[in-house]
Amino acid sequence: MGTMTINGIQVEFTDQEENVLSVIRKADFEMPTLCYRPELLIHGSCRLCVVEDKHGRTFASCSEKPRDGMVIYTNTPRLMRYRKMILELLLASHQRDCTTCIKSGECLLQATARRMGVNQIRYESERTNYPLDMSSPAIVLNPNKCVL
């Protein structure tokens, strides 16, 4: 068992908490994520769950173990700018056929971008088009829709 400070609030955690992200969510702080799934291996590639410690160091909260005495911040102006830039870059490399996509309007990437106030993309797309993977008799995988 340990205690960490999140946005000035003391939060207790147990050995059951696998990462800082789970402690943040247990304390009812909102934290955006795209790649995090607790049942899968953690790789922290989307970087939206980035937090800042008291020394200004940033790290992905999904891939960091909670430690007693940690002091972190989840929504500093620096982190908000960082997340917006990440979303713009992800959208710039995203297949932009959202109006014909089955998830249109209910996509986690779109919803997160709207919530973060990202409504224009300043970056040119450098996206590579990949062929559909139809090797399964039941599933068609479109790698162009994958986030990272």
N, C-alpha and C. Protein backbone atom coordinates (compact mmCIF):
# COMPACT_ATOMS: atom_id res chain seq x y z
N MET A 1 0.84 -1.19 0.00
CA MET A 1 0.00 0.00 0.00
C MET A 1 0.88 1.24 0.00
N GLY A 2 0.42 2.25 -0.70
CA GLY A 2 1.17 3.49 -0.77
C GLY A 2 0.25 4.67 -0.98
N THR A 3 0.84 5.85 -1.02
CA THR A 3 0.09 7.07 -1.24
C THR A 3 0.81 7.90 -2.29
N MET A 4 0.06 8.45 -3.20
CA MET A 4 0.62 9.38 -4.17
C MET A 4 -0.26 10.62 -4.22
N THR A 5 0.28 11.70 -4.72
CA THR A 5 -0.47 12.95 -4.84
C THR A 5 -0.76 13.20 -6.31
N ILE A 6 -2.05 13.32 -6.62
CA ILE A 6 -2.49 13.58 -7.99
C ILE A 6 -3.22 14.91 -8.00
N ASN A 7 -2.67 15.86 -8.72
CA ASN A 7 -3.27 17.21 -8.81
C ASN A 7 -3.55 17.80 -7.43
N GLY A 8 -2.63 17.57 -6.48
CA GLY A 8 -2.75 18.13 -5.14
C GLY A 8 -3.60 17.32 -4.18
N ILE A 9 -4.13 16.19 -4.63
CA ILE A 9 -4.99 15.36 -3.77
C ILE A 9 -4.28 14.06 -3.44
N GLN A 10 -4.24 13.72 -2.16
CA GLN A 10 -3.63 12.47 -1.70
C GLN A 10 -4.51 11.29 -2.08
N VAL A 11 -3.91 10.29 -2.73
CA VAL A 11 -4.64 9.11 -3.17
C VAL A 11 -3.88 7.87 -2.72
N GLU A 12 -4.59 6.98 -2.05
CA GLU A 12 -3.97 5.73 -1.63
C GLU A 12 -4.10 4.70 -2.74
N PHE A 13 -3.12 3.81 -2.82
CA PHE A 13 -3.18 2.72 -3.79
C PHE A 13 -2.63 1.45 -3.16
N THR A 14 -2.98 0.34 -3.76
CA THR A 14 -2.52 -0.96 -3.27
C THR A 14 -1.62 -1.60 -4.31
N ASP A 15 -1.09 -2.76 -3.96
CA ASP A 15 -0.26 -3.52 -4.91
C ASP A 15 -1.09 -4.01 -6.09
N GLN A 16 -2.41 -3.94 -5.99
CA GLN A 16 -3.30 -4.36 -7.07
C GLN A 16 -3.25 -3.40 -8.26
N GLU A 17 -2.86 -2.16 -7.99
CA GLU A 17 -2.80 -1.15 -9.06
C GLU A 17 -1.56 -1.43 -9.90
N GLU A 18 -1.78 -1.79 -11.17
CA GLU A 18 -0.67 -2.16 -12.04
C GLU A 18 0.10 -0.97 -12.58
N ASN A 19 -0.56 0.19 -12.65
CA ASN A 19 0.10 1.35 -13.22
C ASN A 19 -0.50 2.63 -12.66
N VAL A 20 0.17 3.74 -12.92
CA VAL A 20 -0.28 5.04 -12.44
C VAL A 20 -1.65 5.38 -13.02
N LEU A 21 -1.90 4.99 -14.26
CA LEU A 21 -3.19 5.25 -14.90
C LEU A 21 -4.35 4.66 -14.09
N SER A 22 -4.19 3.45 -13.59
CA SER A 22 -5.28 2.84 -12.81
C SER A 22 -5.52 3.60 -11.51
N VAL A 23 -4.48 4.15 -10.91
CA VAL A 23 -4.65 4.95 -9.69
C VAL A 23 -5.36 6.26 -10.03
N ILE A 24 -4.98 6.87 -11.14
CA ILE A 24 -5.62 8.12 -11.58
C ILE A 24 -7.11 7.89 -11.80
N ARG A 25 -7.45 6.82 -12.48
CA ARG A 25 -8.87 6.54 -12.76
C ARG A 25 -9.62 6.15 -11.50
N LYS A 26 -8.97 5.42 -10.60
CA LYS A 26 -9.61 5.04 -9.33
C LYS A 26 -9.96 6.29 -8.53
N ALA A 27 -9.15 7.34 -8.67
CA ALA A 27 -9.39 8.60 -7.96
C ALA A 27 -10.36 9.51 -8.72
N ASP A 28 -10.97 8.98 -9.79
CA ASP A 28 -11.97 9.70 -10.59
C ASP A 28 -11.44 10.90 -11.36
N PHE A 29 -10.17 10.86 -11.75
CA PHE A 29 -9.64 11.86 -12.66
C PHE A 29 -9.79 11.31 -14.07
N GLU A 30 -10.21 12.17 -14.99
CA GLU A 30 -10.35 11.74 -16.38
C GLU A 30 -8.98 11.72 -17.04
N MET A 31 -8.71 10.65 -17.80
CA MET A 31 -7.44 10.53 -18.49
C MET A 31 -7.70 9.89 -19.86
N PRO A 32 -7.42 10.61 -20.95
CA PRO A 32 -7.66 10.03 -22.28
C PRO A 32 -6.66 8.93 -22.61
N THR A 33 -7.13 7.91 -23.28
CA THR A 33 -6.26 6.84 -23.79
C THR A 33 -6.87 6.32 -25.09
N LEU A 34 -6.02 5.84 -25.96
CA LEU A 34 -6.47 5.16 -27.18
C LEU A 34 -5.93 3.73 -27.22
N CYS A 35 -4.70 3.54 -26.80
CA CYS A 35 -4.06 2.23 -26.96
C CYS A 35 -4.18 1.35 -25.73
N TYR A 36 -4.55 1.90 -24.58
CA TYR A 36 -4.55 1.13 -23.34
C TYR A 36 -5.74 0.19 -23.24
N ARG A 37 -5.45 -1.06 -23.04
CA ARG A 37 -6.44 -2.09 -22.73
C ARG A 37 -5.84 -2.94 -21.62
N PRO A 38 -6.46 -2.96 -20.43
CA PRO A 38 -5.85 -3.67 -19.30
C PRO A 38 -5.59 -5.15 -19.56
N GLU A 39 -6.36 -5.75 -20.46
CA GLU A 39 -6.20 -7.18 -20.73
C GLU A 39 -5.08 -7.48 -21.73
N LEU A 40 -4.47 -6.44 -22.31
CA LEU A 40 -3.40 -6.62 -23.28
C LEU A 40 -2.07 -6.14 -22.71
N LEU A 41 -0.99 -6.47 -23.39
CA LEU A 41 0.31 -5.97 -22.99
C LEU A 41 0.35 -4.46 -23.12
N ILE A 42 1.04 -3.82 -22.21
CA ILE A 42 1.11 -2.36 -22.20
C ILE A 42 2.32 -1.91 -23.00
N HIS A 43 2.09 -0.98 -23.92
CA HIS A 43 3.21 -0.46 -24.69
C HIS A 43 3.22 1.06 -24.75
N GLY A 44 2.18 1.73 -24.31
CA GLY A 44 2.17 3.18 -24.19
C GLY A 44 2.44 3.94 -25.47
N SER A 45 1.95 3.43 -26.60
CA SER A 45 2.31 4.06 -27.87
C SER A 45 1.51 5.32 -28.20
N CYS A 46 0.28 5.46 -27.74
CA CYS A 46 -0.48 6.65 -28.13
C CYS A 46 -0.05 7.88 -27.35
N ARG A 47 0.47 7.72 -26.15
CA ARG A 47 1.01 8.78 -25.30
C ARG A 47 -0.03 9.79 -24.81
N LEU A 48 -1.31 9.52 -24.99
CA LEU A 48 -2.33 10.47 -24.52
C LEU A 48 -2.45 10.48 -23.00
N CYS A 49 -2.05 9.40 -22.35
CA CYS A 49 -2.16 9.32 -20.89
C CYS A 49 -0.95 9.92 -20.19
N VAL A 50 -0.19 10.72 -20.91
CA VAL A 50 1.02 11.31 -20.35
C VAL A 50 0.69 12.19 -19.14
N VAL A 51 1.53 12.11 -18.12
CA VAL A 51 1.41 12.94 -16.93
C VAL A 51 2.77 13.59 -16.67
N GLU A 52 2.76 14.55 -15.76
CA GLU A 52 3.98 15.28 -15.42
C GLU A 52 4.24 15.10 -13.93
N ASP A 53 5.50 14.84 -13.57
CA ASP A 53 5.81 14.73 -12.14
C ASP A 53 6.24 16.09 -11.60
N LYS A 54 6.53 16.16 -10.31
CA LYS A 54 6.86 17.44 -9.68
C LYS A 54 8.15 18.06 -10.20
N HIS A 55 8.97 17.29 -10.91
CA HIS A 55 10.22 17.79 -11.48
C HIS A 55 10.06 18.19 -12.95
N GLY A 56 8.84 18.05 -13.50
CA GLY A 56 8.59 18.40 -14.90
C GLY A 56 8.84 17.26 -15.86
N ARG A 57 9.19 16.09 -15.36
CA ARG A 57 9.40 14.92 -16.22
C ARG A 57 8.04 14.40 -16.65
N THR A 58 7.91 14.07 -17.93
CA THR A 58 6.66 13.50 -18.43
C THR A 58 6.84 12.02 -18.72
N PHE A 59 5.77 11.26 -18.53
CA PHE A 59 5.81 9.83 -18.81
C PHE A 59 4.39 9.31 -19.04
N ALA A 60 4.28 8.21 -19.76
CA ALA A 60 2.98 7.59 -20.02
C ALA A 60 2.52 6.91 -18.73
N SER A 61 1.38 7.31 -18.22
CA SER A 61 0.90 6.77 -16.95
C SER A 61 0.51 5.30 -17.04
N CYS A 62 0.22 4.82 -18.26
CA CYS A 62 -0.18 3.42 -18.40
C CYS A 62 0.99 2.46 -18.28
N SER A 63 2.21 2.97 -18.43
CA SER A 63 3.37 2.07 -18.40
C SER A 63 4.28 2.32 -17.20
N GLU A 64 3.83 3.12 -16.25
CA GLU A 64 4.64 3.44 -15.07
C GLU A 64 3.99 2.83 -13.83
N LYS A 65 4.78 2.12 -13.04
CA LYS A 65 4.29 1.54 -11.78
C LYS A 65 4.11 2.65 -10.75
N PRO A 66 3.03 2.61 -9.97
CA PRO A 66 2.86 3.63 -8.93
C PRO A 66 3.87 3.38 -7.80
N ARG A 67 4.43 4.48 -7.29
CA ARG A 67 5.38 4.40 -6.19
C ARG A 67 4.92 5.32 -5.07
N ASP A 68 5.15 4.87 -3.87
CA ASP A 68 4.80 5.67 -2.70
C ASP A 68 5.50 7.02 -2.77
N GLY A 69 4.74 8.09 -2.54
CA GLY A 69 5.31 9.44 -2.52
C GLY A 69 5.32 10.15 -3.86
N MET A 70 4.87 9.49 -4.93
CA MET A 70 4.84 10.15 -6.24
C MET A 70 3.94 11.38 -6.19
N VAL A 71 4.34 12.42 -6.90
CA VAL A 71 3.52 13.62 -7.06
C VAL A 71 3.38 13.83 -8.56
N ILE A 72 2.15 13.77 -9.05
CA ILE A 72 1.93 13.94 -10.49
C ILE A 72 0.80 14.92 -10.76
N TYR A 73 0.84 15.43 -11.98
CA TYR A 73 -0.19 16.35 -12.47
C TYR A 73 -0.71 15.79 -13.79
N THR A 74 -2.02 15.87 -13.97
CA THR A 74 -2.62 15.24 -15.16
C THR A 74 -3.06 16.22 -16.23
N ASN A 75 -3.24 17.50 -15.90
CA ASN A 75 -3.80 18.43 -16.88
C ASN A 75 -3.13 19.80 -16.85
N THR A 76 -1.82 19.82 -16.83
CA THR A 76 -1.12 21.11 -16.89
C THR A 76 -1.27 21.68 -18.31
N PRO A 77 -1.09 22.98 -18.47
CA PRO A 77 -1.16 23.55 -19.83
C PRO A 77 -0.18 22.86 -20.79
N ARG A 78 1.00 22.52 -20.31
CA ARG A 78 1.98 21.82 -21.14
C ARG A 78 1.43 20.48 -21.62
N LEU A 79 0.81 19.71 -20.72
CA LEU A 79 0.25 18.40 -21.09
C LEU A 79 -0.91 18.55 -22.06
N MET A 80 -1.73 19.56 -21.87
CA MET A 80 -2.87 19.76 -22.76
C MET A 80 -2.39 20.10 -24.18
N ARG A 81 -1.37 20.95 -24.30
CA ARG A 81 -0.80 21.26 -25.62
C ARG A 81 -0.21 20.00 -26.25
N TYR A 82 0.48 19.22 -25.44
CA TYR A 82 1.11 17.99 -25.89
C TYR A 82 0.05 17.01 -26.42
N ARG A 83 -1.04 16.83 -25.68
CA ARG A 83 -2.10 15.90 -26.10
C ARG A 83 -2.77 16.37 -27.39
N LYS A 84 -3.01 17.67 -27.50
CA LYS A 84 -3.62 18.19 -28.73
C LYS A 84 -2.72 17.93 -29.93
N MET A 85 -1.42 18.13 -29.77
CA MET A 85 -0.49 17.88 -30.86
C MET A 85 -0.48 16.39 -31.22
N ILE A 86 -0.50 15.53 -30.23
CA ILE A 86 -0.54 14.09 -30.48
C ILE A 86 -1.79 13.73 -31.28
N LEU A 87 -2.94 14.27 -30.88
CA LEU A 87 -4.18 13.99 -31.59
C LEU A 87 -4.13 14.50 -33.03
N GLU A 88 -3.59 15.69 -33.23
CA GLU A 88 -3.45 16.21 -34.59
C GLU A 88 -2.58 15.31 -35.45
N LEU A 89 -1.48 14.84 -34.89
CA LEU A 89 -0.58 13.95 -35.63
C LEU A 89 -1.25 12.61 -35.93
N LEU A 90 -1.99 12.08 -34.96
CA LEU A 90 -2.71 10.83 -35.19
C LEU A 90 -3.77 11.01 -36.28
N LEU A 91 -4.49 12.11 -36.23
CA LEU A 91 -5.51 12.37 -37.24
C LEU A 91 -4.90 12.62 -38.61
N ALA A 92 -3.72 13.24 -38.64
CA ALA A 92 -3.05 13.50 -39.91
C ALA A 92 -2.67 12.20 -40.60
N SER A 93 -2.35 11.18 -39.82
CA SER A 93 -1.95 9.91 -40.42
C SER A 93 -3.11 8.91 -40.46
N HIS A 94 -4.30 9.37 -40.12
CA HIS A 94 -5.48 8.50 -40.06
C HIS A 94 -6.17 8.47 -41.43
N GLN A 95 -6.74 7.33 -41.76
CA GLN A 95 -7.52 7.22 -42.99
C GLN A 95 -8.76 8.11 -42.82
N ARG A 96 -8.96 9.04 -43.72
CA ARG A 96 -10.00 10.05 -43.53
C ARG A 96 -11.27 9.76 -44.33
N ASP A 97 -11.79 8.58 -44.14
CA ASP A 97 -13.07 8.26 -44.76
C ASP A 97 -14.13 8.07 -43.68
N CYS A 98 -14.06 8.94 -42.68
CA CYS A 98 -14.91 8.80 -41.49
C CYS A 98 -16.41 8.77 -41.82
N THR A 99 -16.82 9.50 -42.83
CA THR A 99 -18.25 9.54 -43.14
C THR A 99 -18.77 8.21 -43.66
N THR A 100 -17.89 7.37 -44.19
CA THR A 100 -18.32 6.06 -44.68
C THR A 100 -17.90 4.94 -43.73
N CYS A 101 -17.27 5.30 -42.63
CA CYS A 101 -16.81 4.30 -41.65
C CYS A 101 -17.98 3.88 -40.75
N ILE A 102 -18.04 2.61 -40.42
CA ILE A 102 -19.11 2.09 -39.57
C ILE A 102 -19.10 2.72 -38.18
N LYS A 103 -17.94 3.21 -37.72
CA LYS A 103 -17.82 3.83 -36.40
C LYS A 103 -18.04 5.33 -36.42
N SER A 104 -18.32 5.90 -37.59
CA SER A 104 -18.43 7.35 -37.72
C SER A 104 -19.33 7.94 -36.63
N GLY A 105 -18.78 8.94 -35.95
CA GLY A 105 -19.51 9.59 -34.88
C GLY A 105 -19.39 8.89 -33.54
N GLU A 106 -18.95 7.65 -33.53
CA GLU A 106 -18.82 6.90 -32.28
C GLU A 106 -17.41 6.35 -32.12
N CYS A 107 -16.48 6.95 -32.80
CA CYS A 107 -15.09 6.52 -32.79
C CYS A 107 -14.37 7.17 -31.60
N LEU A 108 -13.58 6.39 -30.89
CA LEU A 108 -12.86 6.91 -29.73
C LEU A 108 -11.88 8.01 -30.13
N LEU A 109 -11.23 7.85 -31.28
CA LEU A 109 -10.30 8.89 -31.75
C LEU A 109 -11.05 10.20 -32.02
N GLN A 110 -12.17 10.13 -32.74
CA GLN A 110 -12.95 11.34 -33.03
C GLN A 110 -13.48 11.97 -31.74
N ALA A 111 -14.02 11.14 -30.85
CA ALA A 111 -14.60 11.64 -29.60
C ALA A 111 -13.53 12.33 -28.74
N THR A 112 -12.35 11.73 -28.68
CA THR A 112 -11.26 12.31 -27.89
C THR A 112 -10.80 13.62 -28.50
N ALA A 113 -10.71 13.68 -29.82
CA ALA A 113 -10.31 14.91 -30.51
C ALA A 113 -11.33 16.03 -30.24
N ARG A 114 -12.61 15.70 -30.32
CA ARG A 114 -13.65 16.71 -30.05
C ARG A 114 -13.55 17.20 -28.61
N ARG A 115 -13.41 16.27 -27.67
CA ARG A 115 -13.34 16.61 -26.25
C ARG A 115 -12.13 17.50 -25.95
N MET A 116 -11.02 17.27 -26.67
CA MET A 116 -9.80 18.04 -26.44
C MET A 116 -9.77 19.33 -27.27
N GLY A 117 -10.81 19.58 -28.06
CA GLY A 117 -10.90 20.81 -28.83
C GLY A 117 -10.07 20.81 -30.11
N VAL A 118 -9.76 19.62 -30.62
CA VAL A 118 -8.99 19.52 -31.87
C VAL A 118 -10.00 19.45 -33.01
N ASN A 119 -10.13 20.56 -33.75
CA ASN A 119 -11.08 20.58 -34.85
C ASN A 119 -10.44 20.94 -36.18
N GLN A 120 -9.12 21.05 -36.20
CA GLN A 120 -8.40 21.21 -37.45
C GLN A 120 -7.04 20.52 -37.32
N ILE A 121 -6.50 20.11 -38.45
CA ILE A 121 -5.24 19.39 -38.48
C ILE A 121 -4.22 20.23 -39.24
N ARG A 122 -3.16 20.63 -38.56
CA ARG A 122 -2.15 21.50 -39.16
C ARG A 122 -1.09 20.73 -39.95
N TYR A 123 -1.11 19.41 -39.89
CA TYR A 123 -0.04 18.62 -40.48
C TYR A 123 -0.51 17.87 -41.73
N GLU A 124 0.37 17.76 -42.69
CA GLU A 124 0.10 17.00 -43.90
C GLU A 124 0.16 15.51 -43.60
N SER A 125 -0.63 14.75 -44.30
CA SER A 125 -0.63 13.31 -44.12
C SER A 125 0.59 12.68 -44.80
N GLU A 126 1.26 11.84 -44.07
CA GLU A 126 2.39 11.08 -44.60
C GLU A 126 2.03 9.59 -44.57
N ARG A 127 0.77 9.30 -44.58
CA ARG A 127 0.24 7.96 -44.37
C ARG A 127 0.51 7.04 -45.55
N THR A 128 0.85 5.80 -45.21
CA THR A 128 1.02 4.75 -46.20
C THR A 128 -0.28 3.96 -46.25
N ASN A 129 -0.73 3.62 -47.44
CA ASN A 129 -1.93 2.79 -47.58
C ASN A 129 -1.54 1.32 -47.57
N TYR A 130 -2.16 0.56 -46.68
CA TYR A 130 -1.88 -0.86 -46.58
C TYR A 130 -3.07 -1.65 -47.13
N PRO A 131 -2.83 -2.82 -47.71
CA PRO A 131 -3.94 -3.63 -48.23
C PRO A 131 -4.75 -4.24 -47.09
N LEU A 132 -6.01 -4.52 -47.37
CA LEU A 132 -6.85 -5.22 -46.39
C LEU A 132 -6.32 -6.62 -46.19
N ASP A 133 -6.39 -7.10 -44.95
CA ASP A 133 -5.99 -8.47 -44.62
C ASP A 133 -7.26 -9.31 -44.57
N MET A 134 -7.46 -10.12 -45.58
CA MET A 134 -8.67 -10.94 -45.68
C MET A 134 -8.33 -12.42 -45.50
N SER A 135 -7.26 -12.71 -44.76
CA SER A 135 -6.81 -14.08 -44.57
C SER A 135 -7.71 -14.90 -43.66
N SER A 136 -8.54 -14.24 -42.87
CA SER A 136 -9.46 -14.94 -41.97
C SER A 136 -10.80 -15.13 -42.66
N PRO A 137 -11.45 -16.28 -42.44
CA PRO A 137 -12.78 -16.47 -43.03
C PRO A 137 -13.86 -15.63 -42.34
N ALA A 138 -13.55 -15.07 -41.16
CA ALA A 138 -14.57 -14.36 -40.40
C ALA A 138 -14.26 -12.88 -40.16
N ILE A 139 -13.01 -12.48 -40.31
CA ILE A 139 -12.62 -11.12 -39.96
C ILE A 139 -11.86 -10.47 -41.11
N VAL A 140 -12.20 -9.23 -41.40
CA VAL A 140 -11.43 -8.43 -42.35
C VAL A 140 -10.70 -7.38 -41.53
N LEU A 141 -9.38 -7.39 -41.62
CA LEU A 141 -8.57 -6.43 -40.88
C LEU A 141 -8.15 -5.31 -41.82
N ASN A 142 -8.50 -4.09 -41.44
CA ASN A 142 -8.08 -2.92 -42.21
C ASN A 142 -7.00 -2.21 -41.41
N PRO A 143 -5.72 -2.46 -41.72
CA PRO A 143 -4.64 -1.83 -40.95
C PRO A 143 -4.58 -0.33 -41.12
N ASN A 144 -5.28 0.22 -42.10
CA ASN A 144 -5.33 1.66 -42.27
C ASN A 144 -6.15 2.36 -41.19
N LYS A 145 -6.95 1.59 -40.46
CA LYS A 145 -7.77 2.14 -39.39
C LYS A 145 -7.10 2.06 -38.02
N CYS A 146 -5.96 1.39 -37.96
CA CYS A 146 -5.29 1.19 -36.67
C CYS A 146 -4.59 2.48 -36.21
N VAL A 147 -4.66 2.72 -34.92
CA VAL A 147 -3.91 3.81 -34.32
C VAL A 147 -2.56 3.26 -33.93
N LEU A 148 -1.52 3.69 -34.62
CA LEU A 148 -0.16 3.23 -34.39
C LEU A 148 -0.05 1.73 -34.46
